[in-house]
Amino acid sequence: MSVKPFSIAIDGPAGAGKSTIAKALAKELNAMYLDTGAMYRAFGLYMLRKGAVNDAKAVAASVVEVEINVEYIDGTQHIFLGGEDVSRAIREPEVSMAASAVSAVPEVRVRMVALQQKIAEGHDVIMDGRDIGTKVLPNATLKIFLTASPEERAKRRCKELEEKGMPQPYEDVLKEMVERDYQDTHRAASPLQAAEDAVRVDTSALTLEQSVAEMKRLALKAIEA
């Protein structure tokens, strides 16, 4: 392995399997994993509780007061909001939409990017999100744009929610997925897009094991280059 710390940036739309694949890849490469989307979800939850998700001025003003911390407990990432472990609460569907809404506010992205860069310093790290390769880790060892069809992503998200005891109708999940895609790709602040030097990986027809194997192959090639 490389002596110099490596970084792998994984971007892509909601439900593409970024977090699941990134976690597995981090274990394979003995690297730190950071789910950046969870940080935006925590802030989205904060603004939901304040009842001001769609008030851009309130969102921008609140970014300096919110306290978001990332801790690793038994190797699993936990997100704390003002000292409260909200790792489960941030997975609710309404929080997902709130995260997309607040992340469109420039001040939010500036604060989150700074936090993410600080966490990554000096570590072998794998990050996934919407703007990792373009904003957070522009000099990443490897940039991957991970995607899959909306229908496949909705099917996977339904399975994930069911396993967590929070089942949702497929039609609702697919509708939310399409709306989230539109929000993420059309916002003014750091819209979802592939970095120019990113490797595109479509997992629509791949199993989790096949996806991880392909990502590991790409990662080792980049690290050893």
Protein backbone atom coordinates (compact mmCIF):
# COMPACT_ATOMS: atom_id res chain seq x y z
CA MET A 1 0.00 0.00 0.00
CA SER A 2 1.02 3.59 -0.50
CA VAL A 3 2.92 5.31 2.32
CA LYS A 4 1.16 8.60 1.57
CA PRO A 5 -2.45 8.63 2.86
CA PHE A 6 -4.91 7.89 0.08
CA SER A 7 -8.38 9.28 -0.41
CA ILE A 8 -11.26 7.90 -2.43
CA ALA A 9 -14.18 10.15 -3.35
CA ILE A 10 -17.46 8.45 -4.21
CA ASP A 11 -20.26 10.63 -5.58
CA GLY A 12 -23.62 9.76 -7.01
CA PRO A 13 -27.40 10.11 -6.67
CA ALA A 14 -29.48 8.97 -3.71
CA GLY A 15 -29.89 5.20 -3.41
CA ALA A 16 -26.97 4.32 -5.70
CA GLY A 17 -25.43 2.22 -2.93
CA LYS A 18 -22.66 4.69 -2.11
CA SER A 19 -22.71 4.22 1.66
CA THR A 20 -23.04 0.43 1.60
CA ILE A 21 -20.29 0.01 -0.97
CA ALA A 22 -18.03 2.64 0.62
CA LYS A 23 -18.29 0.96 4.04
CA ALA A 24 -17.39 -2.43 2.56
CA LEU A 25 -14.53 -0.92 0.57
CA ALA A 26 -13.18 0.85 3.66
CA LYS A 27 -13.01 -2.50 5.46
CA GLU A 28 -11.27 -4.11 2.50
CA LEU A 29 -8.66 -1.32 2.38
CA ASN A 30 -8.45 -0.73 6.15
CA ALA A 31 -9.43 2.92 5.63
CA MET A 32 -11.63 5.35 7.53
CA TYR A 33 -15.14 5.75 6.13
CA LEU A 34 -17.05 9.03 6.33
CA ASP A 35 -20.71 9.19 5.33
CA THR A 36 -20.94 12.89 4.52
CA GLY A 37 -24.61 12.65 3.63
CA ALA A 38 -25.35 11.80 7.27
CA MET A 39 -23.93 15.19 8.26
CA TYR A 40 -26.34 17.00 5.93
CA ARG A 41 -29.18 14.81 7.18
CA ALA A 42 -28.36 15.81 10.77
CA PHE A 43 -28.59 19.48 9.84
CA GLY A 44 -31.77 18.79 7.89
CA LEU A 45 -33.23 17.19 11.03
CA TYR A 46 -32.15 20.22 13.05
CA MET A 47 -34.01 22.56 10.69
CA LEU A 48 -37.06 20.26 10.60
CA ARG A 49 -37.28 20.52 14.37
CA LYS A 50 -37.05 24.31 14.06
CA GLY A 51 -39.77 24.25 11.42
CA ALA A 52 -37.65 26.25 8.98
CA VAL A 53 -36.35 23.81 6.38
CA ASN A 54 -37.46 25.96 3.45
CA ASP A 55 -36.41 29.30 4.93
CA ALA A 56 -33.02 29.90 3.31
CA LYS A 57 -32.18 32.85 5.57
CA ALA A 58 -32.96 30.84 8.71
CA VAL A 59 -30.95 27.89 7.38
CA ALA A 60 -27.93 30.09 6.64
CA ALA A 61 -28.15 31.73 10.08
CA SER A 62 -28.48 28.38 11.87
CA VAL A 63 -25.37 26.82 10.36
CA VAL A 64 -23.13 28.65 12.84
CA GLU A 65 -25.09 27.42 15.86
CA VAL A 66 -25.63 23.77 15.02
CA GLU A 67 -23.30 21.22 16.64
CA ILE A 68 -22.68 18.11 14.54
CA ASN A 69 -20.11 15.50 15.53
CA VAL A 70 -19.00 12.21 14.01
CA GLU A 71 -17.89 9.40 16.29
CA TYR A 72 -16.95 5.80 15.63
CA ILE A 73 -18.41 3.27 18.07
CA ASP A 74 -17.32 -0.35 17.62
CA GLY A 75 -16.22 0.57 14.10
CA THR A 76 -19.60 2.06 13.15
CA GLN A 77 -20.10 5.74 12.36
CA HIS A 78 -22.55 7.55 14.62
CA ILE A 79 -23.85 11.07 14.04
CA PHE A 80 -24.49 13.33 17.02
CA LEU A 81 -26.62 16.45 16.89
CA GLY A 82 -26.08 18.64 19.93
CA GLY A 83 -24.88 15.59 21.85
CA GLU A 84 -27.86 13.42 20.79
CA ASP A 85 -27.19 10.28 18.75
CA VAL A 86 -29.46 10.78 15.74
CA SER A 87 -28.02 7.99 13.58
CA ARG A 88 -31.44 6.32 13.26
CA ALA A 89 -33.60 9.45 13.22
CA ILE A 90 -31.81 10.89 10.18
CA ARG A 91 -32.88 7.94 8.02
CA GLU A 92 -36.55 8.92 8.01
CA PRO A 93 -37.84 9.88 4.50
CA GLU A 94 -38.76 13.44 5.50
CA VAL A 95 -35.22 13.99 6.78
CA SER A 96 -33.85 12.86 3.43
CA MET A 97 -35.81 15.58 1.64
CA ALA A 98 -34.87 18.13 4.32
CA ALA A 99 -31.19 17.29 3.81
CA SER A 100 -31.52 17.96 0.09
CA ALA A 101 -33.26 21.28 0.79
CA VAL A 102 -30.75 22.64 3.31
CA SER A 103 -27.77 21.47 1.27
CA ALA A 104 -28.83 23.89 -1.48
CA VAL A 105 -27.90 26.80 0.81
CA PRO A 106 -24.26 27.85 0.09
CA GLU A 107 -23.42 28.59 3.75
CA VAL A 108 -24.34 25.04 4.72
CA ARG A 109 -22.05 23.48 2.14
CA VAL A 110 -19.15 25.74 3.13
CA ARG A 111 -19.47 24.67 6.77
CA MET A 112 -19.88 20.96 5.98
CA VAL A 113 -17.01 20.86 3.47
CA ALA A 114 -14.69 22.43 6.05
CA LEU A 115 -15.74 19.85 8.67
CA GLN A 116 -15.30 16.97 6.24
CA GLN A 117 -11.85 18.12 5.12
CA LYS A 118 -10.75 18.45 8.74
CA ILE A 119 -11.90 14.91 9.55
CA ALA A 120 -10.06 13.52 6.50
CA GLU A 121 -6.67 15.12 7.23
CA GLY A 122 -3.84 12.59 7.54
CA HIS A 123 -6.02 9.50 7.13
CA ASP A 124 -6.58 6.85 4.50
CA VAL A 125 -10.18 7.84 3.89
CA ILE A 126 -13.18 6.92 1.79
CA MET A 127 -15.94 9.52 1.56
CA ASP A 128 -19.24 9.37 -0.23
CA GLY A 129 -21.70 12.13 -0.97
CA ARG A 130 -22.74 14.54 -3.71
CA ASP A 131 -19.72 16.82 -4.14
CA ILE A 132 -16.77 14.89 -2.71
CA GLY A 133 -14.72 14.72 -5.91
CA THR A 134 -15.62 18.25 -7.00
CA LYS A 135 -15.42 20.15 -3.70
CA VAL A 136 -14.38 18.18 -0.62
CA LEU A 137 -11.51 16.08 -2.00
CA PRO A 138 -10.61 17.69 -5.34
CA ASN A 139 -7.18 16.01 -5.22
CA ALA A 140 -8.48 12.55 -4.28
CA THR A 141 -6.40 9.53 -5.24
CA LEU A 142 -9.48 8.14 -6.99
CA LYS A 143 -12.83 9.69 -7.85
CA ILE A 144 -15.80 7.49 -8.64
CA PHE A 145 -19.27 8.51 -9.83
CA LEU A 146 -21.53 5.69 -8.72
CA THR A 147 -24.99 5.38 -10.19
CA ALA A 148 -27.87 3.06 -11.05
CA SER A 149 -31.30 3.49 -12.64
CA PRO A 150 -33.97 5.30 -10.55
CA GLU A 151 -36.08 2.13 -10.50
CA GLU A 152 -33.21 0.00 -9.21
CA ARG A 153 -32.27 2.60 -6.63
CA ALA A 154 -35.88 2.84 -5.41
CA LYS A 155 -36.05 -0.95 -5.10
CA ARG A 156 -32.87 -1.00 -3.03
CA ARG A 157 -34.02 1.85 -0.81
CA CYS A 158 -37.33 0.05 -0.16
CA LYS A 159 -35.44 -3.05 0.94
CA GLU A 160 -33.15 -0.97 3.16
CA LEU A 161 -36.09 0.80 4.83
CA GLU A 162 -37.94 -2.50 5.33
CA GLU A 163 -34.88 -4.04 7.00
CA LYS A 164 -34.73 -1.04 9.35
CA GLY A 165 -38.39 -1.46 10.29
CA MET A 166 -39.45 1.65 8.36
CA PRO A 167 -41.24 0.22 5.27
CA GLN A 168 -42.45 2.60 2.55
CA PRO A 169 -44.49 1.92 -0.64
CA TYR A 170 -42.29 1.49 -3.74
CA GLU A 171 -44.23 4.14 -5.67
CA ASP A 172 -43.60 6.71 -2.92
CA VAL A 173 -39.91 5.88 -2.71
CA LEU A 174 -39.49 6.11 -6.50
CA LYS A 175 -41.31 9.48 -6.58
CA GLU A 176 -39.07 10.79 -3.78
CA MET A 177 -35.99 9.45 -5.60
CA VAL A 178 -36.85 11.32 -8.81
CA GLU A 179 -37.60 14.52 -6.87
CA ARG A 180 -34.36 14.20 -4.93
CA ASP A 181 -32.41 13.71 -8.16
CA TYR A 182 -33.92 16.89 -9.59
CA GLN A 183 -33.19 18.89 -6.44
CA ASP A 184 -29.61 17.65 -6.21
CA THR A 185 -28.74 18.26 -9.87
CA HIS A 186 -30.41 21.65 -10.22
CA ARG A 187 -29.33 23.48 -7.06
CA ALA A 188 -27.05 26.48 -7.45
CA ALA A 189 -24.61 25.44 -4.70
CA SER A 190 -22.45 22.45 -5.64
CA PRO A 191 -24.99 20.57 -7.78
CA LEU A 192 -24.60 16.82 -8.08
CA GLN A 193 -22.30 16.12 -11.01
CA ALA A 194 -19.42 13.84 -11.84
CA ALA A 195 -15.93 15.31 -11.53
CA GLU A 196 -14.21 15.55 -14.91
CA ASP A 197 -11.67 12.91 -13.90
CA ALA A 198 -14.13 10.58 -12.16
CA VAL A 199 -14.58 6.94 -13.18
CA ARG A 200 -18.25 6.15 -13.80
CA VAL A 201 -19.55 2.91 -12.31
CA ASP A 202 -23.15 1.82 -12.99
CA THR A 203 -24.28 -0.82 -10.48
CA SER A 204 -27.77 -1.41 -11.92
CA ALA A 205 -26.90 -4.94 -13.00
CA LEU A 206 -24.28 -5.67 -10.32
CA THR A 207 -24.65 -7.42 -6.98
CA LEU A 208 -23.18 -5.78 -3.89
CA GLU A 209 -20.23 -8.19 -3.99
CA GLN A 210 -19.56 -7.44 -7.66
CA SER A 211 -19.78 -3.69 -7.03
CA VAL A 212 -17.31 -3.84 -4.14
CA ALA A 213 -14.92 -6.02 -6.14
CA GLU A 214 -14.94 -3.56 -9.05
CA MET A 215 -14.40 -0.59 -6.72
CA LYS A 216 -11.53 -2.39 -4.97
CA ARG A 217 -9.90 -3.12 -8.32
CA LEU A 218 -10.12 0.54 -9.30
CA ALA A 219 -8.90 1.68 -5.87
CA LEU A 220 -5.83 -0.57 -5.79
CA LYS A 221 -4.92 0.47 -9.32
CA ALA A 222 -5.07 4.15 -8.34
CA ILE A 223 -3.27 3.74 -4.99
CA GLU A 224 -0.44 1.74 -6.51
CA ALA A 225 -0.02 4.04 -9.50
